Amino acid sequence: MNHDQIQQEISIMKKMVEKAKTDSAESGRLYLFIGTACIVYVVVVMILEGLRLFSWTLPAMIAMTVVCAIAGYFIVAREERKAQVMTWPKKINRAVIFICSMAMVLTGFVFPVTKLYAWSLSPVFAALLFGIMLFTSGAIYEFPVFYWSGLISWAGACVMAFTQNSTFPVRGVAILIILIAGFIVPAAVLNKKYKNRGHGHAS
């Protein structure tokens, strides 16, 4: 392999890395959607439980899950149509999000409904899965903010696991902190990077 071939391969690799970083910046909208949808979900459940409308809680959870799944599908499909090239990092990240989402459906609905464990453990498993999703996204896109988000999610899971008997709504507050720190803040960072990148190219 001569020098020109090596330089050409290095150039191709650099372009692939830049494409992956651009994809991750564009994906900020997806993380923003996930975080916002989950915050609405948690707030609605907290309000229903606070009003002691327990018979409404499960139907509301199911309805919101279905709506979020449909909306998320269309958001991902729209991004894929806009992208001329689907990079491997982006494909892997979509797979990670899908896998973690399916695991959340099982741990958040199916297992508690079948009484394998108490509903109070669902937020703990959700936080653990959020941590996996975020930490893996950080490894795929090389954004350190996702590493911190994953660590915050796992810390929140530990807090919720060891405060099951607290009268203070620890689970609700902890999940909200995880969602803001894990999804809303990184989404804002990604969008800012994407806008700065666009201005840099324009100039």
C-alpha atoms as a PDB file:
ATOM      1  CA  MET A   1       0.000   0.000   0.000  1.00  0.00           C
ATOM      2  CA  ASN A   2       1.566   3.262  -1.126  1.00  0.00           C
ATOM      3  CA  HIS A   3       1.406   6.682   0.519  1.00  0.00           C
ATOM      4  CA  ASP A   4      -1.446   7.972  -1.690  1.00  0.00           C
ATOM      5  CA  GLN A   5      -3.641   4.988  -0.841  1.00  0.00           C
ATOM      6  CA  ILE A   6      -3.011   5.477   2.871  1.00  0.00           C
ATOM      7  CA  GLN A   7      -3.891   9.163   2.643  1.00  0.00           C
ATOM      8  CA  GLN A   8      -7.054   8.342   0.695  1.00  0.00           C
ATOM      9  CA  GLU A   9      -8.169   5.814   3.321  1.00  0.00           C
ATOM     10  CA  ILE A  10      -7.449   8.304   6.122  1.00  0.00           C
ATOM     11  CA  SER A  11      -9.524  10.911   4.276  1.00  0.00           C
ATOM     12  CA  ILE A  12     -12.422   8.462   3.927  1.00  0.00           C
ATOM     13  CA  MET A  13     -12.243   7.594   7.636  1.00  0.00           C
ATOM     14  CA  LYS A  14     -12.268  11.286   8.576  1.00  0.00           C
ATOM     15  CA  LYS A  15     -15.333  11.875   6.419  1.00  0.00           C
ATOM     16  CA  MET A  16     -17.084   8.926   8.072  1.00  0.00           C
ATOM     17  CA  VAL A  17     -16.298  10.329  11.536  1.00  0.00           C
ATOM     18  CA  GLU A  18     -17.591  13.771  10.552  1.00  0.00           C
ATOM     19  CA  LYS A  19     -20.749  12.213   9.129  1.00  0.00           C
ATOM     20  CA  ALA A  20     -21.288  10.279  12.363  1.00  0.00           C
ATOM     21  CA  LYS A  21     -20.877  13.444  14.429  1.00  0.00           C
ATOM     22  CA  THR A  22     -23.333  15.304  12.206  1.00  0.00           C
ATOM     23  CA  ASP A  23     -25.808  12.433  12.575  1.00  0.00           C
ATOM     24  CA  SER A  24     -25.453  12.589  16.343  1.00  0.00           C
ATOM     25  CA  ALA A  25     -26.114  16.329  16.346  1.00  0.00           C
ATOM     26  CA  GLU A  26     -29.218  15.834  14.228  1.00  0.00           C
ATOM     27  CA  SER A  27     -30.297  13.091  16.628  1.00  0.00           C
ATOM     28  CA  GLY A  28     -30.605  15.713  19.355  1.00  0.00           C
ATOM     29  CA  ARG A  29     -34.219  16.142  18.256  1.00  0.00           C
ATOM     30  CA  LEU A  30     -34.871  12.463  18.977  1.00  0.00           C
ATOM     31  CA  TYR A  31     -33.392  12.696  22.485  1.00  0.00           C
ATOM     32  CA  LEU A  32     -35.395  15.863  23.071  1.00  0.00           C
ATOM     33  CA  PHE A  33     -38.560  14.011  22.063  1.00  0.00           C
ATOM     34  CA  ILE A  34     -37.777  11.041  24.306  1.00  0.00           C
ATOM     35  CA  GLY A  35     -37.031  13.281  27.292  1.00  0.00           C
ATOM     36  CA  THR A  36     -40.078  15.515  26.798  1.00  0.00           C
ATOM     37  CA  ALA A  37     -42.437  12.580  26.240  1.00  0.00           C
ATOM     38  CA  CYS A  38     -41.163  10.785  29.342  1.00  0.00           C
ATOM     39  CA  ILE A  39     -41.460  13.948  31.451  1.00  0.00           C
ATOM     40  CA  VAL A  40     -45.096  14.366  30.384  1.00  0.00           C
ATOM     41  CA  TYR A  41     -45.616  10.671  31.143  1.00  0.00           C
ATOM     42  CA  VAL A  42     -44.173  10.944  34.656  1.00  0.00           C
ATOM     43  CA  VAL A  43     -46.015  14.185  35.480  1.00  0.00           C
ATOM     44  CA  VAL A  44     -49.371  12.736  34.367  1.00  0.00           C
ATOM     45  CA  VAL A  45     -48.843   9.602  36.476  1.00  0.00           C
ATOM     46  CA  MET A  46     -47.794  11.682  39.496  1.00  0.00           C
ATOM     47  CA  ILE A  47     -50.902  13.882  39.150  1.00  0.00           C
ATOM     48  CA  LEU A  48     -53.211  10.859  38.877  1.00  0.00           C
ATOM     49  CA  GLU A  49     -51.604   9.216  41.906  1.00  0.00           C
ATOM     50  CA  GLY A  50     -51.742  12.487  43.826  1.00  0.00           C
ATOM     51  CA  LEU A  51     -55.461  12.753  43.097  1.00  0.00           C
ATOM     52  CA  ARG A  52     -55.807   9.076  44.063  1.00  0.00           C
ATOM     53  CA  LEU A  53     -57.277   8.225  40.663  1.00  0.00           C
ATOM     54  CA  PHE A  54     -55.529   4.870  40.632  1.00  0.00           C
ATOM     55  CA  SER A  55     -58.026   3.259  38.260  1.00  0.00           C
ATOM     56  CA  TRP A  56     -57.020   5.824  35.623  1.00  0.00           C
ATOM     57  CA  THR A  57     -53.278   5.354  36.013  1.00  0.00           C
ATOM     58  CA  LEU A  58     -52.737   2.145  34.052  1.00  0.00           C
ATOM     59  CA  PRO A  59     -54.998   3.118  31.100  1.00  0.00           C
ATOM     60  CA  ALA A  60     -53.258   6.504  30.932  1.00  0.00           C
ATOM     61  CA  MET A  61     -49.839   4.814  30.969  1.00  0.00           C
ATOM     62  CA  ILE A  62     -50.831   2.452  28.173  1.00  0.00           C
ATOM     63  CA  ALA A  63     -52.341   5.255  26.062  1.00  0.00           C
ATOM     64  CA  MET A  64     -49.270   7.488  26.472  1.00  0.00           C
ATOM     65  CA  THR A  65     -46.936   4.607  25.627  1.00  0.00           C
ATOM     66  CA  VAL A  66     -48.816   3.854  22.404  1.00  0.00           C
ATOM     67  CA  VAL A  67     -48.898   7.529  21.385  1.00  0.00           C
ATOM     68  CA  CYS A  68     -45.178   7.981  22.129  1.00  0.00           C
ATOM     69  CA  ALA A  69     -44.274   4.823  20.212  1.00  0.00           C
ATOM     70  CA  ILE A  70     -46.185   5.982  17.126  1.00  0.00           C
ATOM     71  CA  ALA A  71     -44.773   9.515  17.306  1.00  0.00           C
ATOM     72  CA  GLY A  72     -41.232   8.173  17.816  1.00  0.00           C
ATOM     73  CA  TYR A  73     -41.582   5.895  14.807  1.00  0.00           C
ATOM     74  CA  PHE A  74     -42.577   8.780  12.549  1.00  0.00           C
ATOM     75  CA  ILE A  75     -39.738  10.978  13.863  1.00  0.00           C
ATOM     76  CA  VAL A  76     -37.156   8.263  13.154  1.00  0.00           C
ATOM     77  CA  ALA A  77     -38.693   7.507   9.747  1.00  0.00           C
ATOM     78  CA  ARG A  78     -38.590  11.212   8.850  1.00  0.00           C
ATOM     79  CA  GLU A  79     -34.910  11.491   9.812  1.00  0.00           C
ATOM     80  CA  GLU A  80     -34.070   8.386   7.770  1.00  0.00           C
ATOM     81  CA  ARG A  81     -35.828   9.800   4.709  1.00  0.00           C
ATOM     82  CA  LYS A  82     -33.884  13.070   5.023  1.00  0.00           C
ATOM     83  CA  ALA A  83     -30.532  11.317   5.452  1.00  0.00           C
ATOM     84  CA  GLN A  84     -28.906  10.456   2.144  1.00  0.00           C
ATOM     85  CA  VAL A  85     -26.535   8.013   3.847  1.00  0.00           C
ATOM     86  CA  MET A  86     -27.338   5.988   6.971  1.00  0.00           C
ATOM     87  CA  THR A  87     -24.056   5.488   8.866  1.00  0.00           C
ATOM     88  CA  TRP A  88     -23.331   2.437  10.989  1.00  0.00           C
ATOM     89  CA  PRO A  89     -23.112   4.489  14.221  1.00  0.00           C
ATOM     90  CA  LYS A  90     -26.575   5.859  13.529  1.00  0.00           C
ATOM     91  CA  LYS A  91     -27.966   2.385  12.800  1.00  0.00           C
ATOM     92  CA  ILE A  92     -26.413   0.993  15.973  1.00  0.00           C
ATOM     93  CA  ASN A  93     -27.750   3.893  18.045  1.00  0.00           C
ATOM     94  CA  ARG A  94     -31.272   3.387  16.663  1.00  0.00           C
ATOM     95  CA  ALA A  95     -30.997  -0.305  17.560  1.00  0.00           C
ATOM     96  CA  VAL A  96     -29.880   0.524  21.116  1.00  0.00           C
ATOM     97  CA  ILE A  97     -32.791   2.943  21.586  1.00  0.00           C
ATOM     98  CA  PHE A  98     -35.238   0.346  20.235  1.00  0.00           C
ATOM     99  CA  ILE A  99     -33.861  -2.460  22.420  1.00  0.00           C
ATOM    100  CA  CYS A 100     -33.930  -0.337  25.587  1.00  0.00           C
ATOM    101  CA  SER A 101     -37.438   0.909  24.767  1.00  0.00           C
ATOM    102  CA  MET A 102     -38.747  -2.640  24.364  1.00  0.00           C
ATOM    103  CA  ALA A 103     -37.087  -3.635  27.638  1.00  0.00           C
ATOM    104  CA  MET A 104     -38.815  -0.682  29.330  1.00  0.00           C
ATOM    105  CA  VAL A 105     -42.195  -1.869  28.045  1.00  0.00           C
ATOM    106  CA  LEU A 106     -41.537  -5.283  29.573  1.00  0.00           C
ATOM    107  CA  THR A 107     -40.189  -4.014  32.907  1.00  0.00           C
ATOM    108  CA  GLY A 108     -42.631  -1.093  33.112  1.00  0.00           C
ATOM    109  CA  PHE A 109     -45.860  -2.825  32.096  1.00  0.00           C
ATOM    110  CA  VAL A 110     -45.792  -6.539  31.353  1.00  0.00           C
ATOM    111  CA  PHE A 111     -43.892  -7.751  34.408  1.00  0.00           C
ATOM    112  CA  PRO A 112     -45.678  -5.549  36.996  1.00  0.00           C
ATOM    113  CA  VAL A 113     -49.098  -6.323  35.462  1.00  0.00           C
ATOM    114  CA  THR A 114     -48.377 -10.039  35.762  1.00  0.00           C
ATOM    115  CA  LYS A 115     -47.318  -9.385  39.376  1.00  0.00           C
ATOM    116  CA  LEU A 116     -43.747 -10.570  38.995  1.00  0.00           C
ATOM    117  CA  TYR A 117     -42.760  -7.614  41.170  1.00  0.00           C
ATOM    118  CA  ALA A 118     -44.210  -4.411  42.619  1.00  0.00           C
ATOM    119  CA  TRP A 119     -44.935  -1.352  40.470  1.00  0.00           C
ATOM    120  CA  SER A 120     -42.564   0.652  42.654  1.00  0.00           C
ATOM    121  CA  LEU A 121     -39.612  -1.153  41.045  1.00  0.00           C
ATOM    122  CA  SER A 122     -40.526  -0.059  37.502  1.00  0.00           C
ATOM    123  CA  PRO A 123     -38.820   3.364  37.781  1.00  0.00           C
ATOM    124  CA  VAL A 124     -35.672   1.671  39.081  1.00  0.00           C
ATOM    125  CA  PHE A 125     -35.460  -0.576  36.014  1.00  0.00           C
ATOM    126  CA  ALA A 126     -36.326   2.370  33.753  1.00  0.00           C
ATOM    127  CA  ALA A 127     -33.424   4.383  35.190  1.00  0.00           C
ATOM    128  CA  LEU A 128     -31.053   1.450  34.690  1.00  0.00           C
ATOM    129  CA  LEU A 129     -32.141   1.129  31.046  1.00  0.00           C
ATOM    130  CA  PHE A 130     -31.875   4.890  30.534  1.00  0.00           C
ATOM    131  CA  GLY A 131     -28.302   4.634  31.790  1.00  0.00           C
ATOM    132  CA  ILE A 132     -27.486   1.857  29.316  1.00  0.00           C
ATOM    133  CA  MET A 133     -29.071   3.815  26.450  1.00  0.00           C
ATOM    134  CA  LEU A 134     -27.261   7.043  27.266  1.00  0.00           C
ATOM    135  CA  PHE A 135     -23.862   5.555  28.089  1.00  0.00           C
ATOM    136  CA  THR A 136     -23.914   3.505  24.879  1.00  0.00           C
ATOM    137  CA  SER A 137     -24.872   6.608  22.887  1.00  0.00           C
ATOM    138  CA  GLY A 138     -21.873   8.354  24.392  1.00  0.00           C
ATOM    139  CA  ALA A 139     -19.593   5.502  23.269  1.00  0.00           C
ATOM    140  CA  ILE A 140     -21.077   5.470  19.749  1.00  0.00           C
ATOM    141  CA  TYR A 141     -20.952   9.218  19.136  1.00  0.00           C
ATOM    142  CA  GLU A 142     -18.030  10.077  21.447  1.00  0.00           C
ATOM    143  CA  PHE A 143     -19.974  12.742  23.338  1.00  0.00           C
ATOM    144  CA  PRO A 144     -18.838  12.843  27.009  1.00  0.00           C
ATOM    145  CA  VAL A 145     -22.125  14.448  28.110  1.00  0.00           C
ATOM    146  CA  PHE A 146     -23.856  11.110  27.515  1.00  0.00           C
ATOM    147  CA  TYR A 147     -21.418   9.343  29.835  1.00  0.00           C
ATOM    148  CA  TRP A 148     -22.347  11.724  32.644  1.00  0.00           C
ATOM    149  CA  SER A 149     -26.033  11.307  31.806  1.00  0.00           C
ATOM    150  CA  GLY A 150     -25.698   7.533  32.066  1.00  0.00           C
ATOM    151  CA  LEU A 151     -23.940   7.791  35.426  1.00  0.00           C
ATOM    152  CA  ILE A 152     -26.673  10.129  36.711  1.00  0.00           C
ATOM    153  CA  SER A 153     -29.311   7.614  35.608  1.00  0.00           C
ATOM    154  CA  TRP A 154     -27.614   4.757  37.448  1.00  0.00           C
ATOM    155  CA  ALA A 155     -27.163   6.916  40.542  1.00  0.00           C
ATOM    156  CA  GLY A 156     -30.873   7.753  40.386  1.00  0.00           C
ATOM    157  CA  ALA A 157     -31.699   4.053  40.146  1.00  0.00           C
ATOM    158  CA  CYS A 158     -29.700   3.395  43.326  1.00  0.00           C
ATOM    159  CA  VAL A 159     -31.443   6.253  45.156  1.00  0.00           C
ATOM    160  CA  MET A 160     -34.897   4.963  44.168  1.00  0.00           C
ATOM    161  CA  ALA A 161     -34.003   1.361  45.042  1.00  0.00           C
ATOM    162  CA  PHE A 162     -32.968   2.251  48.598  1.00  0.00           C
ATOM    163  CA  THR A 163     -35.774   4.732  49.358  1.00  0.00           C
ATOM    164  CA  GLN A 164     -38.802   2.550  48.659  1.00  0.00           C
ATOM    165  CA  ASN A 165     -40.475   3.369  51.987  1.00  0.00           C
ATOM    166  CA  SER A 166     -39.985   7.131  51.850  1.00  0.00           C
ATOM    167  CA  THR A 167     -43.118   9.293  52.118  1.00  0.00           C
ATOM    168  CA  PHE A 168     -41.466  11.906  49.894  1.00  0.00           C
ATOM    169  CA  PRO A 169     -42.093  11.237  46.144  1.00  0.00           C
ATOM    170  CA  VAL A 170     -38.476  10.222  45.600  1.00  0.00           C
ATOM    171  CA  ARG A 171     -39.172   8.146  42.486  1.00  0.00           C
ATOM    172  CA  GLY A 172     -40.989  10.920  40.627  1.00  0.00           C
ATOM    173  CA  VAL A 173     -38.408  13.570  41.480  1.00  0.00           C
ATOM    174  CA  ALA A 174     -35.486  11.249  40.692  1.00  0.00           C
ATOM    175  CA  ILE A 175     -36.917  10.257  37.296  1.00  0.00           C
ATOM    176  CA  LEU A 176     -37.555  13.907  36.388  1.00  0.00           C
ATOM    177  CA  ILE A 177     -33.943  14.799  37.272  1.00  0.00           C
ATOM    178  CA  ILE A 178     -32.702  11.858  35.186  1.00  0.00           C
ATOM    179  CA  LEU A 179     -34.819  12.881  32.192  1.00  0.00           C
ATOM    180  CA  ILE A 180     -33.756  16.529  32.317  1.00  0.00           C
ATOM    181  CA  ALA A 181     -30.067  15.763  32.894  1.00  0.00           C
ATOM    182  CA  GLY A 182     -30.013  12.715  30.638  1.00  0.00           C
ATOM    183  CA  PHE A 183     -32.075  13.805  27.656  1.00  0.00           C
ATOM    184  CA  ILE A 184     -33.080  17.484  27.650  1.00  0.00           C
ATOM    185  CA  VAL A 185     -29.608  18.859  28.455  1.00  0.00           C
ATOM    186  CA  PRO A 186     -27.720  16.567  26.015  1.00  0.00           C
ATOM    187  CA  ALA A 187     -30.291  17.334  23.305  1.00  0.00           C
ATOM    188  CA  ALA A 188     -29.671  21.042  23.791  1.00  0.00           C
ATOM    189  CA  VAL A 189     -25.908  20.461  23.593  1.00  0.00           C
ATOM    190  CA  LEU A 190     -26.252  18.380  20.426  1.00  0.00           C
ATOM    191  CA  ASN A 191     -28.503  20.953  18.758  1.00  0.00           C
ATOM    192  CA  LYS A 192     -26.062  23.728  19.673  1.00  0.00           C
ATOM    193  CA  LYS A 193     -23.161  21.755  18.192  1.00  0.00           C
ATOM    194  CA  TYR A 194     -25.175  21.135  15.028  1.00  0.00           C
ATOM    195  CA  LYS A 195     -26.065  24.817  14.646  1.00  0.00           C
ATOM    196  CA  ASN A 196     -22.462  25.881  15.285  1.00  0.00           C
ATOM    197  CA  ARG A 197     -21.283  23.343  12.731  1.00  0.00           C
ATOM    198  CA  GLY A 198     -23.750  24.731  10.196  1.00  0.00           C
ATOM    199  CA  HIS A 199     -22.641  28.322  10.805  1.00  0.00           C
ATOM    200  CA  GLY A 200     -19.034  27.222  10.521  1.00  0.00           C
ATOM    201  CA  HIS A 201     -19.641  25.661   7.106  1.00  0.00           C
ATOM    202  CA  ALA A 202     -21.681  28.642   5.966  1.00  0.00           C
ATOM    203  CA  SER A 203     -18.876  30.995   6.801  1.00  0.00           C
END
